[in-house]
Amino acid sequence: MKTKCLLAALVANSILAQVQEQPVVLTIDVENHVLYRGTVFDATQLAKEPGPTTSVNQAFVEAVSVADIVAVNGKPAKGLWSTTVYAMPYRAAPQPGQPIADFDLGGTLYCTFHVYLPDGTYVGTLSDTGATPPGGHVVMGGLGGFSGVVGEHRLVVRVPNGQASTAEDPANRRNRAGGKIQAIFYLYPKFRPTVQMTSAGPAVFHGADFSPVTAGNPASRGEVLIVRATGLGPVKPDLMPRGSVRFSADPLQEVNSPVEVTINEKAVPAITKIGWPGETDVYRVDFQVPSDAASGAATIQLTAAWIPGPAVTIPIK
């Protein structure tokens, strides 16, 4: 039994290591992008102009860039992208008023992406910094469902951003011509949603009697199954960092991030996604096996906050 358990653990760790070496590609689309340059030095005149204004990039002028998040990986989302911009026009052959450098560079950005679901549920925040060009941004970390991530991202400009002065009233940002940008993240999460392993295989159970799904007791089409998993992130309402407190039984605490189960590459919603009472990083995810699932070995994979975990295999009759 010990040998079988050890083998299962080694296989699971090997699969997880392979997954962790692969970046998670996260695409965030933003619209109504306006860059407000700090060209006003009289505080009484800030944000007073109701109509469109203009500005140009010049040395030593800070700026703020603002845009609305509208989609994540092609699915509707909400949120805010805000950026503090030190847009220095570095030039190898500078004109008067431009700082000299070995290469043409555009300065530094400090970005935050606050991501919400369409219903207003907060998912998480990504923070990064980078120079433009070449356009690469270092992802320094995150909050919520993105806690502990590192990586980088690139910006793809679909429509150039609006250019404004800080004299302009930012309450009118959505009424003017703004830009459209796609931020493509390559993330290496510190933890991923992972189905636990037991000596009998993946920790997947029949919903009717909580008996394990095994070769001798396979799952059925249309049946509700229960998964014991780790790495799903914070739970409502307090959104404490993963592993910091034990999950309660009354009330049950729902995972804050969107959770999906993929069975044989077909995504199905999670019926239940809660912290396992008494645990700190163990979760319960219930899902229904599709009625058209094929018999035989089926792959199961969890995704939380658009971050996929390693796949496991269960039998279906």
C-alpha atoms as a PDB file:
ATOM      1  CA  MET A   1       0.000   0.000   0.000  1.00  0.00           C
ATOM      2  CA  LYS A   2       2.835   2.413   0.897  1.00  0.00           C
ATOM      3  CA  THR A   3       4.567   1.687  -2.406  1.00  0.00           C
ATOM      4  CA  LYS A   4       1.346   2.283  -4.361  1.00  0.00           C
ATOM      5  CA  CYS A   5       0.705   5.544  -2.494  1.00  0.00           C
ATOM      6  CA  LEU A   6       4.280   6.737  -3.065  1.00  0.00           C
ATOM      7  CA  LEU A   7       4.081   5.920  -6.790  1.00  0.00           C
ATOM      8  CA  ALA A   8       0.840   7.848  -7.136  1.00  0.00           C
ATOM      9  CA  ALA A   9       2.380  10.853  -5.372  1.00  0.00           C
ATOM     10  CA  LEU A  10       5.475  10.763  -7.571  1.00  0.00           C
ATOM     11  CA  VAL A  11       3.364  10.639 -10.747  1.00  0.00           C
ATOM     12  CA  ALA A  12       1.194  13.517  -9.521  1.00  0.00           C
ATOM     13  CA  ASN A  13       4.242  15.622  -8.622  1.00  0.00           C
ATOM     14  CA  SER A  14       5.830  14.913 -12.011  1.00  0.00           C
ATOM     15  CA  ILE A  15       2.690  16.007 -13.862  1.00  0.00           C
ATOM     16  CA  LEU A  16       2.354  19.139 -11.735  1.00  0.00           C
ATOM     17  CA  ALA A  17       6.001  20.067 -12.296  1.00  0.00           C
ATOM     18  CA  GLN A  18       5.515  19.803 -16.064  1.00  0.00           C
ATOM     19  CA  VAL A  19       2.443  22.039 -15.882  1.00  0.00           C
ATOM     20  CA  GLN A  20       4.162  24.623 -13.672  1.00  0.00           C
ATOM     21  CA  GLU A  21       6.961  25.020 -16.207  1.00  0.00           C
ATOM     22  CA  GLN A  22       4.438  26.077 -18.839  1.00  0.00           C
ATOM     23  CA  PRO A  23       3.158  29.675 -18.707  1.00  0.00           C
ATOM     24  CA  VAL A  24      -0.529  30.425 -18.401  1.00  0.00           C
ATOM     25  CA  VAL A  25      -1.535  32.717 -21.273  1.00  0.00           C
ATOM     26  CA  LEU A  26      -4.059  35.300 -20.112  1.00  0.00           C
ATOM     27  CA  THR A  27      -5.439  37.835 -22.583  1.00  0.00           C
ATOM     28  CA  ILE A  28      -7.086  40.969 -21.171  1.00  0.00           C
ATOM     29  CA  ASP A  29      -8.898  43.342 -23.551  1.00  0.00           C
ATOM     30  CA  VAL A  30      -9.347  46.985 -22.564  1.00  0.00           C
ATOM     31  CA  GLU A  31     -11.269  49.852 -24.160  1.00  0.00           C
ATOM     32  CA  ASN A  32     -11.799  53.603 -23.614  1.00  0.00           C
ATOM     33  CA  HIS A  33      -8.066  54.011 -23.048  1.00  0.00           C
ATOM     34  CA  VAL A  34      -7.033  57.632 -22.410  1.00  0.00           C
ATOM     35  CA  LEU A  35      -3.610  58.943 -21.391  1.00  0.00           C
ATOM     36  CA  TYR A  36      -3.712  62.083 -19.230  1.00  0.00           C
ATOM     37  CA  ARG A  37      -0.382  63.968 -19.212  1.00  0.00           C
ATOM     38  CA  GLY A  38       0.482  66.185 -16.265  1.00  0.00           C
ATOM     39  CA  THR A  39       0.672  69.491 -18.117  1.00  0.00           C
ATOM     40  CA  VAL A  40      -1.283  71.512 -15.534  1.00  0.00           C
ATOM     41  CA  PHE A  41       0.590  72.919 -12.550  1.00  0.00           C
ATOM     42  CA  ASP A  42      -2.187  75.045 -11.076  1.00  0.00           C
ATOM     43  CA  ALA A  43      -4.115  72.636  -8.836  1.00  0.00           C
ATOM     44  CA  THR A  44      -7.289  74.709  -9.177  1.00  0.00           C
ATOM     45  CA  GLN A  45      -7.351  73.929 -12.919  1.00  0.00           C
ATOM     46  CA  LEU A  46      -6.979  70.143 -12.682  1.00  0.00           C
ATOM     47  CA  ALA A  47      -9.851  68.094 -14.195  1.00  0.00           C
ATOM     48  CA  LYS A  48     -11.934  71.222 -14.923  1.00  0.00           C
ATOM     49  CA  GLU A  49     -12.172  71.158 -18.741  1.00  0.00           C
ATOM     50  CA  PRO A  50     -15.332  69.253 -19.850  1.00  0.00           C
ATOM     51  CA  GLY A  51     -14.328  68.987 -23.498  1.00  0.00           C
ATOM     52  CA  PRO A  52     -11.474  67.072 -25.164  1.00  0.00           C
ATOM     53  CA  THR A  53      -7.933  68.342 -24.623  1.00  0.00           C
ATOM     54  CA  THR A  54      -4.608  67.479 -26.226  1.00  0.00           C
ATOM     55  CA  SER A  55      -1.068  66.916 -24.981  1.00  0.00           C
ATOM     56  CA  VAL A  56       2.333  65.856 -26.280  1.00  0.00           C
ATOM     57  CA  ASN A  57       5.050  63.673 -24.802  1.00  0.00           C
ATOM     58  CA  GLN A  58       7.843  65.703 -23.226  1.00  0.00           C
ATOM     59  CA  ALA A  59      10.626  65.086 -20.756  1.00  0.00           C
ATOM     60  CA  PHE A  60       9.952  65.020 -17.016  1.00  0.00           C
ATOM     61  CA  VAL A  61       6.167  65.043 -17.351  1.00  0.00           C
ATOM     62  CA  GLU A  62       4.318  62.306 -15.481  1.00  0.00           C
ATOM     63  CA  ALA A  63       1.017  60.920 -16.749  1.00  0.00           C
ATOM     64  CA  VAL A  64      -1.854  58.635 -15.794  1.00  0.00           C
ATOM     65  CA  SER A  65      -3.360  56.124 -18.211  1.00  0.00           C
ATOM     66  CA  VAL A  66      -6.873  54.721 -17.604  1.00  0.00           C
ATOM     67  CA  ALA A  67      -8.947  52.091 -19.456  1.00  0.00           C
ATOM     68  CA  ASP A  68     -11.866  49.693 -18.904  1.00  0.00           C
ATOM     69  CA  ILE A  69     -11.366  45.911 -18.874  1.00  0.00           C
ATOM     70  CA  VAL A  70     -14.018  44.345 -21.118  1.00  0.00           C
ATOM     71  CA  ALA A  71     -12.898  40.719 -21.604  1.00  0.00           C
ATOM     72  CA  VAL A  72     -10.543  38.040 -20.270  1.00  0.00           C
ATOM     73  CA  ASN A  73      -9.590  35.218 -22.644  1.00  0.00           C
ATOM     74  CA  GLY A  74     -12.432  36.288 -24.921  1.00  0.00           C
ATOM     75  CA  LYS A  75     -15.122  36.101 -22.216  1.00  0.00           C
ATOM     76  CA  PRO A  76     -16.930  39.222 -20.932  1.00  0.00           C
ATOM     77  CA  ALA A  77     -15.388  40.808 -17.858  1.00  0.00           C
ATOM     78  CA  LYS A  78     -15.196  44.146 -16.098  1.00  0.00           C
ATOM     79  CA  GLY A  79     -12.495  46.066 -14.316  1.00  0.00           C
ATOM     80  CA  LEU A  80      -9.987  48.864 -14.511  1.00  0.00           C
ATOM     81  CA  TRP A  81      -6.522  49.188 -15.959  1.00  0.00           C
ATOM     82  CA  SER A  82      -4.710  52.130 -14.414  1.00  0.00           C
ATOM     83  CA  THR A  83      -1.136  53.132 -15.141  1.00  0.00           C
ATOM     84  CA  THR A  84       1.314  55.655 -13.786  1.00  0.00           C
ATOM     85  CA  VAL A  85       3.460  56.662 -16.742  1.00  0.00           C
ATOM     86  CA  TYR A  86       6.925  58.178 -16.741  1.00  0.00           C
ATOM     87  CA  ALA A  87       6.946  58.641 -20.521  1.00  0.00           C
ATOM     88  CA  MET A  88      10.439  59.998 -21.120  1.00  0.00           C
ATOM     89  CA  PRO A  89      11.217  60.330 -24.850  1.00  0.00           C
ATOM     90  CA  TYR A  90      14.712  58.825 -24.680  1.00  0.00           C
ATOM     91  CA  ARG A  91      16.557  59.128 -27.994  1.00  0.00           C
ATOM     92  CA  ALA A  92      19.923  57.986 -29.353  1.00  0.00           C
ATOM     93  CA  ALA A  93      19.942  61.190 -31.449  1.00  0.00           C
ATOM     94  CA  PRO A  94      17.850  63.568 -29.319  1.00  0.00           C
ATOM     95  CA  GLN A  95      16.236  66.800 -30.369  1.00  0.00           C
ATOM     96  CA  PRO A  96      16.388  69.726 -27.939  1.00  0.00           C
ATOM     97  CA  GLY A  97      14.394  68.835 -24.827  1.00  0.00           C
ATOM     98  CA  GLN A  98      14.739  65.069 -25.318  1.00  0.00           C
ATOM     99  CA  PRO A  99      16.965  62.981 -22.985  1.00  0.00           C
ATOM    100  CA  ILE A 100      19.872  61.170 -24.612  1.00  0.00           C
ATOM    101  CA  ALA A 101      20.287  57.392 -24.309  1.00  0.00           C
ATOM    102  CA  ASP A 102      21.903  54.522 -26.187  1.00  0.00           C
ATOM    103  CA  PHE A 103      18.530  53.487 -27.635  1.00  0.00           C
ATOM    104  CA  ASP A 104      15.150  55.019 -28.426  1.00  0.00           C
ATOM    105  CA  LEU A 105      12.957  54.183 -25.435  1.00  0.00           C
ATOM    106  CA  GLY A 106       9.619  55.408 -24.178  1.00  0.00           C
ATOM    107  CA  GLY A 107       9.966  55.440 -20.415  1.00  0.00           C
ATOM    108  CA  THR A 108       8.445  53.297 -17.702  1.00  0.00           C
ATOM    109  CA  LEU A 109       4.909  52.179 -16.835  1.00  0.00           C
ATOM    110  CA  TYR A 110       3.571  50.981 -13.482  1.00  0.00           C
ATOM    111  CA  CYS A 111       0.336  49.096 -14.184  1.00  0.00           C
ATOM    112  CA  THR A 112      -2.480  47.517 -12.195  1.00  0.00           C
ATOM    113  CA  PHE A 113      -5.242  45.387 -13.709  1.00  0.00           C
ATOM    114  CA  HIS A 114      -8.232  45.044 -11.354  1.00  0.00           C
ATOM    115  CA  VAL A 115     -10.343  42.195 -12.785  1.00  0.00           C
ATOM    116  CA  TYR A 116     -14.048  41.617 -12.031  1.00  0.00           C
ATOM    117  CA  LEU A 117     -16.693  39.274 -13.405  1.00  0.00           C
ATOM    118  CA  PRO A 118     -19.628  40.816 -15.320  1.00  0.00           C
ATOM    119  CA  ASP A 119     -21.797  40.580 -12.166  1.00  0.00           C
ATOM    120  CA  GLY A 120     -19.320  42.714 -10.225  1.00  0.00           C
ATOM    121  CA  THR A 121     -17.527  39.883  -8.379  1.00  0.00           C
ATOM    122  CA  TYR A 122     -13.912  40.797  -7.750  1.00  0.00           C
ATOM    123  CA  VAL A 123     -11.495  38.150  -9.053  1.00  0.00           C
ATOM    124  CA  GLY A 124      -8.034  39.607  -8.521  1.00  0.00           C
ATOM    125  CA  THR A 125      -5.376  42.169  -9.333  1.00  0.00           C
ATOM    126  CA  LEU A 126      -2.227  41.927 -11.438  1.00  0.00           C
ATOM    127  CA  SER A 127       0.626  44.409 -10.945  1.00  0.00           C
ATOM    128  CA  ASP A 128       3.536  45.000 -13.295  1.00  0.00           C
ATOM    129  CA  THR A 129       6.144  47.441 -14.482  1.00  0.00           C
ATOM    130  CA  GLY A 130       7.891  47.831 -17.819  1.00  0.00           C
ATOM    131  CA  ALA A 131       9.556  50.049 -20.381  1.00  0.00           C
ATOM    132  CA  THR A 132       8.135  50.873 -23.803  1.00  0.00           C
ATOM    133  CA  PRO A 133       9.424  49.974 -26.310  1.00  0.00           C
ATOM    134  CA  PRO A 134      10.365  47.060 -26.443  1.00  0.00           C
ATOM    135  CA  GLY A 135       7.030  46.578 -24.708  1.00  0.00           C
ATOM    136  CA  GLY A 136       7.762  43.829 -22.232  1.00  0.00           C
ATOM    137  CA  HIS A 137       6.365  44.308 -18.726  1.00  0.00           C
ATOM    138  CA  VAL A 138       7.524  42.389 -15.632  1.00  0.00           C
ATOM    139  CA  VAL A 139       4.594  40.969 -13.645  1.00  0.00           C
ATOM    140  CA  MET A 140       5.598  41.519 -10.031  1.00  0.00           C
ATOM    141  CA  GLY A 141       2.665  39.782  -8.353  1.00  0.00           C
ATOM    142  CA  GLY A 142      -1.034  39.890  -7.702  1.00  0.00           C
ATOM    143  CA  LEU A 143      -3.915  39.714  -5.264  1.00  0.00           C
ATOM    144  CA  GLY A 144      -6.982  37.522  -4.921  1.00  0.00           C
ATOM    145  CA  GLY A 145      -7.124  34.772  -7.531  1.00  0.00           C
ATOM    146  CA  PHE A 146      -3.762  35.944  -8.903  1.00  0.00           C
ATOM    147  CA  SER A 147      -1.880  35.860  -5.607  1.00  0.00           C
ATOM    148  CA  GLY A 148       1.762  34.878  -6.024  1.00  0.00           C
ATOM    149  CA  VAL A 149       1.947  34.968  -9.839  1.00  0.00           C
ATOM    150  CA  VAL A 150       5.053  36.148 -11.682  1.00  0.00           C
ATOM    151  CA  GLY A 151       5.787  36.482 -15.371  1.00  0.00           C
ATOM    152  CA  GLU A 152       5.540  39.138 -18.057  1.00  0.00           C
ATOM    153  CA  HIS A 153       3.094  40.652 -20.494  1.00  0.00           C
ATOM    154  CA  ARG A 154       3.075  42.456 -23.831  1.00  0.00           C
ATOM    155  CA  LEU A 155       0.695  45.128 -25.135  1.00  0.00           C
ATOM    156  CA  VAL A 156      -0.928  44.929 -28.556  1.00  0.00           C
ATOM    157  CA  VAL A 157      -2.463  48.245 -29.644  1.00  0.00           C
ATOM    158  CA  ARG A 158      -5.689  47.746 -31.600  1.00  0.00           C
ATOM    159  CA  VAL A 159      -6.729  51.422 -31.591  1.00  0.00           C
ATOM    160  CA  PRO A 160      -4.301  54.165 -30.411  1.00  0.00           C
ATOM    161  CA  ASN A 161      -5.122  55.664 -27.042  1.00  0.00           C
ATOM    162  CA  GLY A 162      -6.674  59.067 -26.547  1.00  0.00           C
ATOM    163  CA  GLN A 163      -4.223  61.856 -25.682  1.00  0.00           C
ATOM    164  CA  ALA A 164      -5.325  64.367 -23.052  1.00  0.00           C
ATOM    165  CA  SER A 165      -4.109  66.919 -20.552  1.00  0.00           C
ATOM    166  CA  THR A 166      -4.748  66.675 -16.834  1.00  0.00           C
ATOM    167  CA  ALA A 167      -6.882  69.791 -17.334  1.00  0.00           C
ATOM    168  CA  GLU A 168      -9.550  67.496 -18.830  1.00  0.00           C
ATOM    169  CA  ASP A 169     -12.346  66.130 -16.654  1.00  0.00           C
ATOM    170  CA  PRO A 170     -11.743  62.337 -16.494  1.00  0.00           C
ATOM    171  CA  ALA A 171     -15.417  61.765 -15.686  1.00  0.00           C
ATOM    172  CA  ASN A 172     -16.006  62.190 -19.438  1.00  0.00           C
ATOM    173  CA  ARG A 173     -13.414  59.585 -20.469  1.00  0.00           C
ATOM    174  CA  ARG A 174     -15.953  57.142 -21.921  1.00  0.00           C
ATOM    175  CA  ASN A 175     -17.549  59.870 -24.030  1.00  0.00           C
ATOM    176  CA  ARG A 176     -14.414  60.605 -26.042  1.00  0.00           C
ATOM    177  CA  ALA A 177     -12.382  58.654 -28.568  1.00  0.00           C
ATOM    178  CA  GLY A 178     -10.313  56.210 -26.539  1.00  0.00           C
ATOM    179  CA  GLY A 179      -7.965  53.411 -27.432  1.00  0.00           C
ATOM    180  CA  LYS A 180      -8.339  49.631 -27.517  1.00  0.00           C
ATOM    181  CA  ILE A 181      -5.470  47.494 -26.254  1.00  0.00           C
ATOM    182  CA  GLN A 182      -4.913  43.797 -25.678  1.00  0.00           C
ATOM    183  CA  ALA A 183      -2.600  42.818 -22.828  1.00  0.00           C
ATOM    184  CA  ILE A 184      -1.193  39.318 -23.277  1.00  0.00           C
ATOM    185  CA  PHE A 185       0.139  37.861 -20.011  1.00  0.00           C
ATOM    186  CA  TYR A 186       2.519  34.918 -19.671  1.00  0.00           C
ATOM    187  CA  LEU A 187       2.084  33.932 -16.032  1.00  0.00           C
ATOM    188  CA  TYR A 188       3.843  31.405 -13.824  1.00  0.00           C
ATOM    189  CA  PRO A 189       1.481  30.886 -10.864  1.00  0.00           C
ATOM    190  CA  LYS A 190       2.840  29.973  -7.460  1.00  0.00           C
ATOM    191  CA  PHE A 191      -0.014  27.481  -7.097  1.00  0.00           C
ATOM    192  CA  ARG A 192      -2.551  25.931  -9.465  1.00  0.00           C
ATOM    193  CA  PRO A 193      -5.902  24.215  -9.042  1.00  0.00           C
ATOM    194  CA  THR A 194      -4.975  20.567  -8.486  1.00  0.00           C
ATOM    195  CA  VAL A 195      -7.026  17.432  -7.895  1.00  0.00           C
ATOM    196  CA  GLN A 196      -5.671  15.663  -4.825  1.00  0.00           C
ATOM    197  CA  MET A 197      -4.312  12.151  -5.218  1.00  0.00           C
ATOM    198  CA  THR A 198      -4.996   9.147  -2.964  1.00  0.00           C
ATOM    199  CA  SER A 199      -3.640   5.597  -2.910  1.00  0.00           C
ATOM    200  CA  ALA A 200      -6.635   4.638  -5.104  1.00  0.00           C
ATOM    201  CA  GLY A 201      -6.062   7.436  -7.613  1.00  0.00           C
ATOM    202  CA  PRO A 202      -7.517  10.949  -8.027  1.00  0.00           C
ATOM    203  CA  ALA A 203      -9.669  12.175  -5.126  1.00  0.00           C
ATOM    204  CA  VAL A 204     -12.924  12.082  -7.100  1.00  0.00           C
ATOM    205  CA  PHE A 205     -16.058  10.705  -5.412  1.00  0.00           C
ATOM    206  CA  HIS A 206     -19.603   9.713  -6.323  1.00  0.00           C
ATOM    207  CA  GLY A 207     -22.036  12.414  -5.237  1.00  0.00           C
ATOM    208  CA  ALA A 208     -24.673   9.924  -4.052  1.00  0.00           C
ATOM    209  CA  ASP A 209     -22.643   8.090  -1.410  1.00  0.00           C
ATOM    210  CA  PHE A 210     -19.173   9.688  -1.409  1.00  0.00           C
ATOM    211  CA  SER A 211     -17.513   6.438  -2.470  1.00  0.00           C
ATOM    212  CA  PRO A 212     -14.330   6.905  -4.560  1.00  0.00           C
ATOM    213  CA  VAL A 213     -14.453   6.694  -8.332  1.00  0.00           C
ATOM    214  CA  THR A 214     -12.235   3.760  -9.269  1.00  0.00           C
ATOM    215  CA  ALA A 215     -11.903   1.180 -12.030  1.00  0.00           C
ATOM    216  CA  GLY A 216     -14.195  -1.110 -10.042  1.00  0.00           C
ATOM    217  CA  ASN A 217     -16.639   1.709  -9.256  1.00  0.00           C
ATOM    218  CA  PRO A 218     -16.588   4.005 -12.324  1.00  0.00           C
ATOM    219  CA  ALA A 219     -18.511   7.227 -12.832  1.00  0.00           C
ATOM    220  CA  SER A 220     -21.707   7.274 -14.896  1.00  0.00           C
ATOM    221  CA  ARG A 221     -22.903   9.701 -17.556  1.00  0.00           C
ATOM    222  CA  GLY A 222     -25.019  12.476 -16.056  1.00  0.00           C
ATOM    223  CA  GLU A 223     -23.790  11.730 -12.522  1.00  0.00           C
ATOM    224  CA  VAL A 224     -22.691  14.455 -10.108  1.00  0.00           C
ATOM    225  CA  LEU A 225     -19.138  13.925  -8.866  1.00  0.00           C
ATOM    226  CA  ILE A 226     -17.219  15.510  -5.994  1.00  0.00           C
ATOM    227  CA  VAL A 227     -13.558  16.535  -6.239  1.00  0.00           C
ATOM    228  CA  ARG A 228     -11.111  17.273  -3.424  1.00  0.00           C
ATOM    229  CA  ALA A 229      -8.740  19.894  -4.762  1.00  0.00           C
ATOM    230  CA  THR A 230      -6.104  22.411  -3.719  1.00  0.00           C
ATOM    231  CA  GLY A 231      -5.020  25.798  -5.048  1.00  0.00           C
ATOM    232  CA  LEU A 232      -8.381  27.465  -5.816  1.00  0.00           C
ATOM    233  CA  GLY A 233      -7.545  30.680  -4.000  1.00  0.00           C
ATOM    234  CA  PRO A 234      -9.501  32.942  -1.624  1.00  0.00           C
ATOM    235  CA  VAL A 235     -13.081  32.327  -0.511  1.00  0.00           C
ATOM    236  CA  LYS A 236     -15.903  34.766   0.188  1.00  0.00           C
ATOM    237  CA  PRO A 237     -16.557  36.988   2.023  1.00  0.00           C
ATOM    238  CA  ASP A 238     -13.176  37.926   3.516  1.00  0.00           C
ATOM    239  CA  LEU A 239     -10.896  36.855   0.618  1.00  0.00           C
ATOM    240  CA  MET A 240      -8.061  36.041   3.000  1.00  0.00           C
ATOM    241  CA  PRO A 241      -4.845  34.779   1.354  1.00  0.00           C
ATOM    242  CA  ARG A 242      -4.863  31.076   0.566  1.00  0.00           C
ATOM    243  CA  GLY A 243      -3.818  28.891   3.516  1.00  0.00           C
ATOM    244  CA  SER A 244      -4.076  31.646   6.140  1.00  0.00           C
ATOM    245  CA  VAL A 245      -7.309  30.559   7.913  1.00  0.00           C
ATOM    246  CA  ARG A 246      -9.420  27.411   8.193  1.00  0.00           C
ATOM    247  CA  PHE A 247     -12.597  27.274   6.141  1.00  0.00           C
ATOM    248  CA  SER A 248     -15.832  27.371   8.127  1.00  0.00           C
ATOM    249  CA  ALA A 249     -18.739  24.924   8.018  1.00  0.00           C
ATOM    250  CA  ASP A 250     -21.416  27.464   8.962  1.00  0.00           C
ATOM    251  CA  PRO A 251     -21.579  29.315   6.745  1.00  0.00           C
ATOM    252  CA  LEU A 252     -19.885  27.422   3.928  1.00  0.00           C
ATOM    253  CA  GLN A 253     -17.424  29.669   2.083  1.00  0.00           C
ATOM    254  CA  GLU A 254     -17.564  29.884  -1.712  1.00  0.00           C
ATOM    255  CA  VAL A 255     -14.445  30.175  -3.855  1.00  0.00           C
ATOM    256  CA  ASN A 256     -14.304  33.729  -5.150  1.00  0.00           C
ATOM    257  CA  SER A 257     -12.698  33.022  -8.544  1.00  0.00           C
ATOM    258  CA  PRO A 258     -14.552  31.517 -11.503  1.00  0.00           C
ATOM    259  CA  VAL A 259     -14.031  27.731 -11.463  1.00  0.00           C
ATOM    260  CA  GLU A 260     -14.461  25.408 -14.435  1.00  0.00           C
ATOM    261  CA  VAL A 261     -14.104  21.668 -14.831  1.00  0.00           C
ATOM    262  CA  THR A 262     -12.916  20.342 -18.169  1.00  0.00           C
ATOM    263  CA  ILE A 263     -13.805  16.723 -18.881  1.00  0.00           C
ATOM    264  CA  ASN A 264     -12.388  15.312 -22.105  1.00  0.00           C
ATOM    265  CA  GLU A 265     -11.701  18.908 -23.220  1.00  0.00           C
ATOM    266  CA  LYS A 266     -15.360  19.897 -22.701  1.00  0.00           C
ATOM    267  CA  ALA A 267     -15.837  22.662 -20.126  1.00  0.00           C
ATOM    268  CA  VAL A 268     -18.657  22.275 -17.607  1.00  0.00           C
ATOM    269  CA  PRO A 269     -19.517  24.700 -14.781  1.00  0.00           C
ATOM    270  CA  ALA A 270     -18.788  23.928 -11.169  1.00  0.00           C
ATOM    271  CA  ILE A 271     -22.047  23.210  -9.331  1.00  0.00           C
ATOM    272  CA  THR A 272     -20.334  23.682  -5.968  1.00  0.00           C
ATOM    273  CA  LYS A 273     -16.993  25.409  -5.285  1.00  0.00           C
ATOM    274  CA  ILE A 274     -16.326  25.822  -1.563  1.00  0.00           C
ATOM    275  CA  GLY A 275     -13.533  25.640   0.953  1.00  0.00           C
ATOM    276  CA  TRP A 276     -13.536  22.255   2.682  1.00  0.00           C
ATOM    277  CA  PRO A 277     -14.608  22.935   6.296  1.00  0.00           C
ATOM    278  CA  GLY A 278     -11.713  22.716   8.727  1.00  0.00           C
ATOM    279  CA  GLU A 279      -9.053  22.838   5.985  1.00  0.00           C
ATOM    280  CA  THR A 280      -6.872  25.747   4.855  1.00  0.00           C
ATOM    281  CA  ASP A 281      -6.106  24.793   1.247  1.00  0.00           C
ATOM    282  CA  VAL A 282      -8.497  21.971   0.404  1.00  0.00           C
ATOM    283  CA  TYR A 283     -11.645  22.657  -1.590  1.00  0.00           C
ATOM    284  CA  ARG A 284     -14.769  20.818  -2.721  1.00  0.00           C
ATOM    285  CA  VAL A 285     -15.802  21.100  -6.352  1.00  0.00           C
ATOM    286  CA  ASP A 286     -18.963  19.366  -7.610  1.00  0.00           C
ATOM    287  CA  PHE A 287     -19.686  18.922 -11.304  1.00  0.00           C
ATOM    288  CA  GLN A 288     -21.939  16.833 -13.523  1.00  0.00           C
ATOM    289  CA  VAL A 289     -20.535  14.352 -16.010  1.00  0.00           C
ATOM    290  CA  PRO A 290     -21.919  15.237 -19.463  1.00  0.00           C
ATOM    291  CA  SER A 291     -24.670  12.871 -20.642  1.00  0.00           C
ATOM    292  CA  ASP A 292     -22.780  12.306 -23.884  1.00  0.00           C
ATOM    293  CA  ALA A 293     -19.418  11.497 -22.266  1.00  0.00           C
ATOM    294  CA  ALA A 294     -17.627   8.580 -23.872  1.00  0.00           C
ATOM    295  CA  SER A 295     -17.038   5.377 -21.937  1.00  0.00           C
ATOM    296  CA  GLY A 296     -13.510   4.612 -20.808  1.00  0.00           C
ATOM    297  CA  ALA A 297     -10.764   6.801 -19.370  1.00  0.00           C
ATOM    298  CA  ALA A 298     -11.737  10.480 -19.102  1.00  0.00           C
ATOM    299  CA  THR A 299      -9.383  13.381 -18.354  1.00  0.00           C
ATOM    300  CA  ILE A 300     -10.422  15.880 -15.688  1.00  0.00           C
ATOM    301  CA  GLN A 301      -8.844  19.311 -15.319  1.00  0.00           C
ATOM    302  CA  LEU A 302      -9.717  22.221 -13.014  1.00  0.00           C
ATOM    303  CA  THR A 303      -9.393  25.900 -13.894  1.00  0.00           C
ATOM    304  CA  ALA A 304      -9.625  28.759 -11.367  1.00  0.00           C
ATOM    305  CA  ALA A 305      -9.259  32.454 -12.240  1.00  0.00           C
ATOM    306  CA  TRP A 306      -8.478  31.272 -15.803  1.00  0.00           C
ATOM    307  CA  ILE A 307      -5.450  29.349 -14.468  1.00  0.00           C
ATOM    308  CA  PRO A 308      -5.530  25.643 -15.439  1.00  0.00           C
ATOM    309  CA  GLY A 309      -4.131  22.834 -13.344  1.00  0.00           C
ATOM    310  CA  PRO A 310      -2.763  19.386 -14.226  1.00  0.00           C
ATOM    311  CA  ALA A 311      -5.148  16.810 -15.706  1.00  0.00           C
ATOM    312  CA  VAL A 312      -6.023  13.521 -14.027  1.00  0.00           C
ATOM    313  CA  THR A 313      -7.832  10.465 -15.382  1.00  0.00           C
ATOM    314  CA  ILE A 314     -11.000   8.766 -14.082  1.00  0.00           C
ATOM    315  CA  PRO A 315     -13.038   5.840 -15.511  1.00  0.00           C
ATOM    316  CA  ILE A 316     -16.534   6.383 -16.966  1.00  0.00           C
ATOM    317  CA  LYS A 317     -18.951   3.590 -17.817  1.00  0.00           C
END
